[in-house]
Protein backbone atom coordinates (compact mmCIF):
# COMPACT_ATOMS: atom_id res chain seq x y z
CA MET A 1 96.41 78.18 159.27
CA GLU A 2 96.06 75.22 156.92
CA GLY A 3 98.93 72.76 156.86
CA ARG A 4 102.15 73.00 158.85
CA ILE A 5 105.19 75.29 159.00
CA LEU A 6 108.69 74.27 157.88
CA VAL A 7 111.70 76.22 159.19
CA ILE A 8 114.78 75.59 157.03
CA GLY A 9 118.06 76.44 158.75
CA SER A 10 116.48 75.90 162.17
CA SER A 11 119.77 75.27 163.99
CA GLY A 12 121.19 78.73 163.28
CA GLN A 13 121.08 81.92 165.31
CA ILE A 14 117.67 83.04 164.02
CA GLY A 15 116.19 79.59 163.45
CA THR A 16 116.78 78.45 167.03
CA GLU A 17 114.60 81.22 168.44
CA LEU A 18 112.10 81.34 165.57
CA VAL A 19 111.21 77.66 165.97
CA GLU A 20 110.64 78.19 169.69
CA ALA A 21 108.38 81.20 169.09
CA LEU A 22 106.38 79.52 166.30
CA ARG A 23 105.84 76.38 168.38
CA GLU A 24 104.62 78.47 171.27
CA LYS A 25 102.11 80.10 168.93
CA PHE A 26 101.01 77.17 166.77
CA GLY A 27 101.95 74.05 168.76
CA ASN A 28 105.01 71.78 168.67
CA ASP A 29 103.69 69.33 166.07
CA ASN A 30 102.69 72.07 163.62
CA VAL A 31 106.22 73.45 163.25
CA ILE A 32 108.83 71.25 161.58
CA ALA A 33 112.45 72.22 162.27
CA SER A 34 115.00 71.28 159.61
CA ASP A 35 118.71 71.74 159.02
CA ILE A 36 121.73 69.98 157.61
CA LYS A 37 123.09 69.86 161.16
CA GLU A 38 121.55 68.89 164.49
CA PRO A 39 120.27 71.77 166.66
CA GLN A 40 122.60 73.21 169.33
CA ILE A 41 119.73 73.24 171.81
CA LYS A 42 117.36 70.30 172.23
CA GLN A 43 113.83 71.33 171.29
CA GLU A 44 110.50 69.58 171.66
CA GLY A 45 108.92 68.82 168.30
CA PRO A 46 109.71 67.21 164.94
CA PHE A 47 113.11 67.67 163.27
CA GLU A 48 114.15 66.73 159.73
CA ASN A 49 117.75 66.46 158.59
CA LEU A 50 117.45 68.37 155.32
CA ASP A 51 119.91 69.44 152.64
CA ILE A 52 118.15 72.43 151.10
CA MET A 53 120.31 72.08 147.97
CA ASP A 54 118.48 68.79 147.25
CA LYS A 55 115.14 69.84 145.75
CA ASP A 56 113.79 66.27 145.73
CA GLN A 57 114.48 65.88 149.44
CA LEU A 58 112.84 69.23 150.11
CA SER A 59 109.78 68.16 148.12
CA GLU A 60 109.56 64.91 150.11
CA VAL A 61 109.69 66.74 153.46
CA VAL A 62 107.05 69.24 152.32
CA LYS A 63 104.69 66.44 151.21
CA LYS A 64 105.38 64.23 154.25
CA HIS A 65 104.43 66.95 156.73
CA GLU A 66 101.78 68.70 154.59
CA ILE A 67 103.71 71.98 154.71
CA SER A 68 101.89 75.18 153.74
CA GLU A 69 104.38 77.80 154.99
CA VAL A 70 108.17 77.87 154.71
CA TYR A 71 110.65 80.08 156.55
CA LEU A 72 113.89 79.79 154.56
CA LEU A 73 116.78 80.82 156.83
CA ALA A 74 119.59 78.67 155.39
CA ALA A 75 122.44 80.88 154.14
CA LEU A 76 126.18 81.42 154.25
CA LEU A 77 126.66 84.73 156.08
CA SER A 78 128.80 87.69 155.06
CA ALA A 79 132.27 86.97 156.47
CA THR A 80 132.05 83.21 155.86
CA ALA A 81 130.81 83.63 152.28
CA GLU A 82 133.82 85.84 151.48
CA LYS A 83 136.06 82.86 152.22
CA HIS A 84 133.95 80.52 150.05
CA PRO A 85 132.36 82.80 147.44
CA GLU A 86 131.17 80.21 144.92
CA PHE A 87 129.66 77.98 147.60
CA GLY A 88 128.10 81.03 149.28
CA TRP A 89 126.42 82.08 146.04
CA ASN A 90 125.24 78.54 145.22
CA LEU A 91 123.80 77.87 148.67
CA ASN A 92 122.05 81.21 148.98
CA MET A 93 120.52 81.16 145.49
CA THR A 94 119.78 77.44 144.95
CA SER A 95 117.98 77.20 148.29
CA LEU A 96 115.77 80.14 147.32
CA PHE A 97 114.94 78.76 143.88
CA ASN A 98 114.09 75.34 145.32
CA VAL A 99 111.54 76.90 147.69
CA LEU A 100 110.14 79.45 145.21
CA ASN A 101 109.59 76.76 142.59
CA LEU A 102 107.57 74.62 145.01
CA ALA A 103 105.53 77.72 145.84
CA LYS A 104 105.08 78.44 142.13
CA GLU A 105 103.61 74.94 141.71
CA GLY A 106 101.17 75.68 144.54
CA THR A 107 102.63 73.09 146.93
CA ILE A 108 103.68 75.84 149.38
CA LYS A 109 101.23 78.68 150.05
CA LYS A 110 103.45 81.25 151.78
CA VAL A 111 107.23 81.86 151.94
CA PHE A 112 109.40 83.92 154.26
CA TRP A 113 112.91 84.67 153.01
CA PRO A 114 115.19 87.09 154.86
CA SER A 115 117.26 89.72 153.15
CA SER A 116 119.85 91.86 154.92
CA ILE A 117 121.44 95.30 155.21
CA ALA A 118 124.23 93.62 153.20
CA VAL A 119 122.26 94.53 150.03
CA PHE A 120 123.48 98.08 150.53
CA GLY A 121 126.97 99.24 149.58
CA PRO A 122 129.45 102.12 149.87
CA THR A 123 127.40 104.30 147.46
CA THR A 124 124.22 103.91 149.56
CA PRO A 125 123.30 106.88 151.82
CA GLN A 126 124.62 105.78 155.24
CA GLN A 127 122.28 107.82 157.43
CA ASN A 128 118.58 106.93 157.62
CA THR A 129 118.95 104.67 154.56
CA PRO A 130 115.63 104.75 152.68
CA GLN A 131 113.62 101.77 151.44
CA TYR A 132 114.33 102.66 147.82
CA THR A 133 117.92 103.71 147.23
CA ILE A 134 121.19 102.86 145.47
CA MET A 135 122.20 99.26 146.17
CA GLU A 136 125.69 98.26 145.03
CA PRO A 137 126.75 95.52 147.47
CA THR A 138 130.43 94.55 147.60
CA THR A 139 130.14 91.09 149.25
CA VAL A 140 129.01 87.71 147.93
CA TYR A 141 126.37 87.61 150.66
CA GLY A 142 125.08 91.06 149.74
CA ILE A 143 125.06 90.29 146.01
CA SER A 144 123.11 87.07 146.63
CA LYS A 145 120.61 88.88 148.85
CA GLN A 146 120.10 91.66 146.31
CA ALA A 147 119.55 89.10 143.56
CA GLY A 148 117.22 87.15 145.87
CA GLU A 149 115.10 90.25 146.47
CA ARG A 150 114.63 90.68 142.74
CA TRP A 151 113.70 87.02 142.29
CA CYS A 152 111.18 87.14 145.14
CA GLU A 153 109.50 90.14 143.55
CA TYR A 154 109.60 88.44 140.14
CA TYR A 155 107.98 85.22 141.41
CA HIS A 156 105.25 87.26 143.10
CA ASN A 157 104.53 89.42 140.06
CA LYS A 158 104.86 86.62 137.48
CA TYR A 159 103.45 83.60 139.32
CA GLY A 160 101.53 85.06 142.25
CA VAL A 161 103.83 83.54 144.88
CA ASP A 162 103.07 84.92 148.35
CA VAL A 163 106.65 85.64 149.39
CA ARG A 164 107.52 88.06 152.20
CA SER A 165 110.85 89.44 153.30
CA ILE A 166 112.61 91.83 155.67
CA ARG A 167 116.16 93.17 155.56
CA TYR A 168 117.65 92.08 158.86
CA PRO A 169 120.19 94.37 160.53
CA GLY A 170 122.82 92.81 162.81
CA LEU A 171 121.06 90.44 165.22
CA ILE A 172 121.91 89.94 168.88
CA GLY A 173 120.63 86.99 170.91
CA TYR A 174 121.76 84.76 173.77
CA LYS A 175 120.30 81.37 172.77
CA SER A 176 122.89 80.42 170.14
CA LEU A 177 126.49 81.20 169.21
CA PRO A 178 127.61 83.67 166.49
CA GLY A 179 127.30 82.31 162.94
CA GLY A 180 129.99 84.06 160.90
CA GLY A 181 128.46 87.47 160.29
CA THR A 182 130.22 90.85 160.32
CA THR A 183 127.93 92.10 163.11
CA ASP A 184 128.52 89.02 165.31
CA TYR A 185 131.01 90.88 167.51
CA ALA A 186 127.92 92.25 169.26
CA VAL A 187 127.04 88.72 170.41
CA ASP A 188 130.55 87.55 171.28
CA ILE A 189 131.24 90.69 173.35
CA PHE A 190 128.60 89.61 175.90
CA HIS A 191 130.02 86.10 176.20
CA LYS A 192 133.46 87.55 176.99
CA ALA A 193 132.06 90.09 179.46
CA ILE A 194 130.09 87.46 181.40
CA THR A 195 133.13 85.16 181.69
CA ASN A 196 135.44 88.05 182.69
CA GLU A 197 137.59 87.66 179.58
CA PRO A 198 139.07 90.56 177.60
CA PHE A 199 137.46 91.11 174.21
CA GLU A 200 139.39 91.89 171.04
CA CYS A 201 136.98 93.48 168.58
CA PHE A 202 137.49 92.90 164.84
CA LEU A 203 135.83 96.25 164.04
CA SER A 204 137.13 99.71 164.97
CA GLU A 205 135.63 101.39 168.02
CA ASN A 206 133.47 103.93 166.18
CA THR A 207 132.04 101.64 163.49
CA LYS A 208 128.33 102.30 163.87
CA LEU A 209 125.94 99.70 162.41
CA PRO A 210 122.19 98.96 162.53
CA MET A 211 121.44 96.24 165.12
CA MET A 212 118.42 94.52 166.62
CA TYR A 213 117.70 92.33 169.61
CA MET A 214 116.65 88.86 168.51
CA SER A 215 113.22 89.10 170.16
CA ASP A 216 112.41 92.08 167.94
CA ALA A 217 113.64 90.24 164.84
CA ILE A 218 111.47 87.21 165.64
CA LYS A 219 108.49 89.49 166.29
CA ALA A 220 108.98 91.24 162.94
CA THR A 221 109.33 87.91 161.13
CA ILE A 222 106.12 86.45 162.55
CA ASN A 223 104.22 89.73 162.20
CA ILE A 224 104.94 90.13 158.50
CA MET A 225 103.88 86.52 157.88
CA GLN A 226 100.68 87.00 159.90
CA ALA A 227 99.77 90.26 158.17
CA ASP A 228 96.90 90.25 155.70
CA ASN A 229 98.05 89.76 152.12
CA SER A 230 96.74 93.20 151.18
CA GLN A 231 99.06 94.87 153.72
CA ILE A 232 102.23 93.58 152.03
CA LYS A 233 102.97 96.24 149.42
CA ILE A 234 106.68 95.43 148.93
CA ARG A 235 107.60 91.97 147.62
CA SER A 236 111.35 92.48 147.36
CA SER A 237 112.19 93.15 151.03
CA TYR A 238 111.25 95.65 153.75
CA ASN A 239 113.71 97.80 155.68
CA ILE A 240 113.33 97.29 159.43
CA SER A 241 115.20 99.21 162.10
CA GLY A 242 116.06 98.60 165.74
CA ILE A 243 119.11 100.32 167.29
CA SER A 244 122.32 101.70 165.81
CA PHE A 245 125.51 101.65 167.90
CA SER A 246 129.30 101.24 167.70
CA PRO A 247 131.56 98.76 169.57
CA ASN A 248 132.61 101.63 171.85
CA GLN A 249 129.00 102.50 172.70
CA ILE A 250 128.01 98.92 173.55
CA SER A 251 131.19 98.33 175.57
CA GLU A 252 130.47 101.48 177.64
CA GLU A 253 126.96 100.18 178.29
CA ILE A 254 128.35 96.80 179.39
CA LYS A 255 130.84 98.53 181.72
CA LYS A 256 127.94 100.05 183.64
CA ALA A 257 127.14 96.51 184.82
CA ILE A 258 130.66 95.02 184.64
CA PRO A 259 133.19 97.86 185.33
CA SER A 260 136.17 95.49 184.94
CA PHE A 261 135.28 94.61 181.34
CA ASN A 262 138.23 95.23 179.01
CA ILE A 263 137.96 95.75 175.23
CA SER A 264 140.67 96.28 172.61
CA TYR A 265 140.44 96.79 168.85
CA LYS A 266 142.11 94.93 166.01
CA PRO A 267 140.15 95.51 162.79
CA ASP A 268 140.42 92.72 160.21
CA SER A 269 138.89 92.02 156.78
CA ARG A 270 135.39 92.42 158.23
CA GLN A 271 136.06 96.14 158.77
CA GLN A 272 135.89 96.75 155.02
CA ILE A 273 132.53 94.96 154.87
CA ALA A 274 131.17 97.02 157.79
CA ASP A 275 132.38 100.26 156.21
CA SER A 276 130.22 99.54 153.15
CA TRP A 277 127.00 99.23 155.20
CA PRO A 278 124.61 101.92 156.49
CA GLU A 279 124.77 103.40 159.99
CA SER A 280 121.01 103.77 160.39
CA ILE A 281 117.88 102.58 158.56
CA ASN A 282 114.57 104.22 157.65
CA ASP A 283 111.74 101.72 158.06
CA ASP A 284 108.66 103.91 157.51
CA GLU A 285 107.18 101.50 154.93
CA ALA A 286 107.23 98.54 157.35
CA LYS A 287 105.66 100.71 160.08
CA ASN A 288 102.96 102.05 157.77
CA ASP A 289 102.13 98.86 155.84
CA TRP A 290 102.02 96.18 158.54
CA GLY A 291 102.56 97.99 161.82
CA TRP A 292 106.20 97.21 162.61
CA LYS A 293 107.47 98.65 165.90
CA PRO A 294 110.65 97.63 167.81
CA SER A 295 110.60 97.11 171.59
CA PHE A 296 114.29 97.21 172.57
CA ASN A 297 116.71 100.12 172.99
CA LEU A 298 120.44 99.69 173.79
CA ASP A 299 119.97 99.80 177.56
CA LYS A 300 117.21 97.16 177.53
CA LEU A 301 119.15 94.98 175.06
CA CYS A 302 122.28 94.95 177.23
CA SER A 303 120.31 94.22 180.38
CA GLU A 304 118.53 91.25 178.73
CA MET A 305 121.73 89.82 177.26
CA LEU A 306 123.76 90.03 180.48
CA THR A 307 120.95 88.66 182.65
CA ASN A 308 120.14 85.70 180.40
CA LEU A 309 123.74 84.76 179.60
CA ASP A 310 124.53 84.86 183.32
CA LYS A 311 121.68 82.41 183.97
CA ILE A 312 122.98 80.09 181.25
CA LEU A 313 126.53 80.22 182.68
CA ILE A 314 125.29 79.44 186.21
CA LYS A 315 123.25 76.52 184.88
CA GLU A 316 126.20 75.11 182.91
CA ASN A 317 128.52 75.34 185.92
CA ASN A 318 126.03 73.55 188.13
CA LEU A 319 125.72 70.59 185.74
């Protein structure tokens, strides 16, 4: 790899773990973390306070650190963007254009930009949702991601930009707190279970959604960026699949380890968003083109989450 890697939005749920994984692979000094806010967890390696909306500041950081690859994770997620639609659109689109334009100029050689299952809508087939299908998103986040997919493909076809993308399902990890997404109940539920608190779920008990353990998401992200250029046949965004489950299914799995865990249901505005998304995803293209394969099922996911959050809680209480 020539040059260094810049992770934009490094303090978020995905960024926190991606930076760690990239530094383990390429070395601390070769991966520059950046965000508009300080990281929740102290990490070894360089950090830049960066406002991705400021293209001049972005350009300075890229030149200063001789950046060749950018992972653009900065975004306003689904539920949060619904409260601030204009800001959500501006942040999600301006950040992408700022990075794509630097890549168009040749300053950046390779770009990763995540899309989401939010690009799908109520008219999309909900079962085994194919790579190519009807996409009529009903949220600001989904609309911005759908538009972003088209722009990524456009910049590749028109200017030769090496941009790569995957459509993340709901992501579950223990190293950072939920970030305002509709699927974030599946992170918060573990925090409540570990601390013996009752959990009030904002989705109904049988709302089934595509999910993925964070380790699998990080693996997919690095794998698609490491794949040979000839393997990347889709330049909008690839479907990837992990596990599909409902709040009831995950709570029953948690109760196997913590029988006293108590869950109740009080659906709010996020229910309507969840109802517009698929229940399961077909990811044959990702498997065939660059060898994607998930490692975690529901049982393994729950075991990892409960074990690691328990360790964190014990550590915090001993401090």
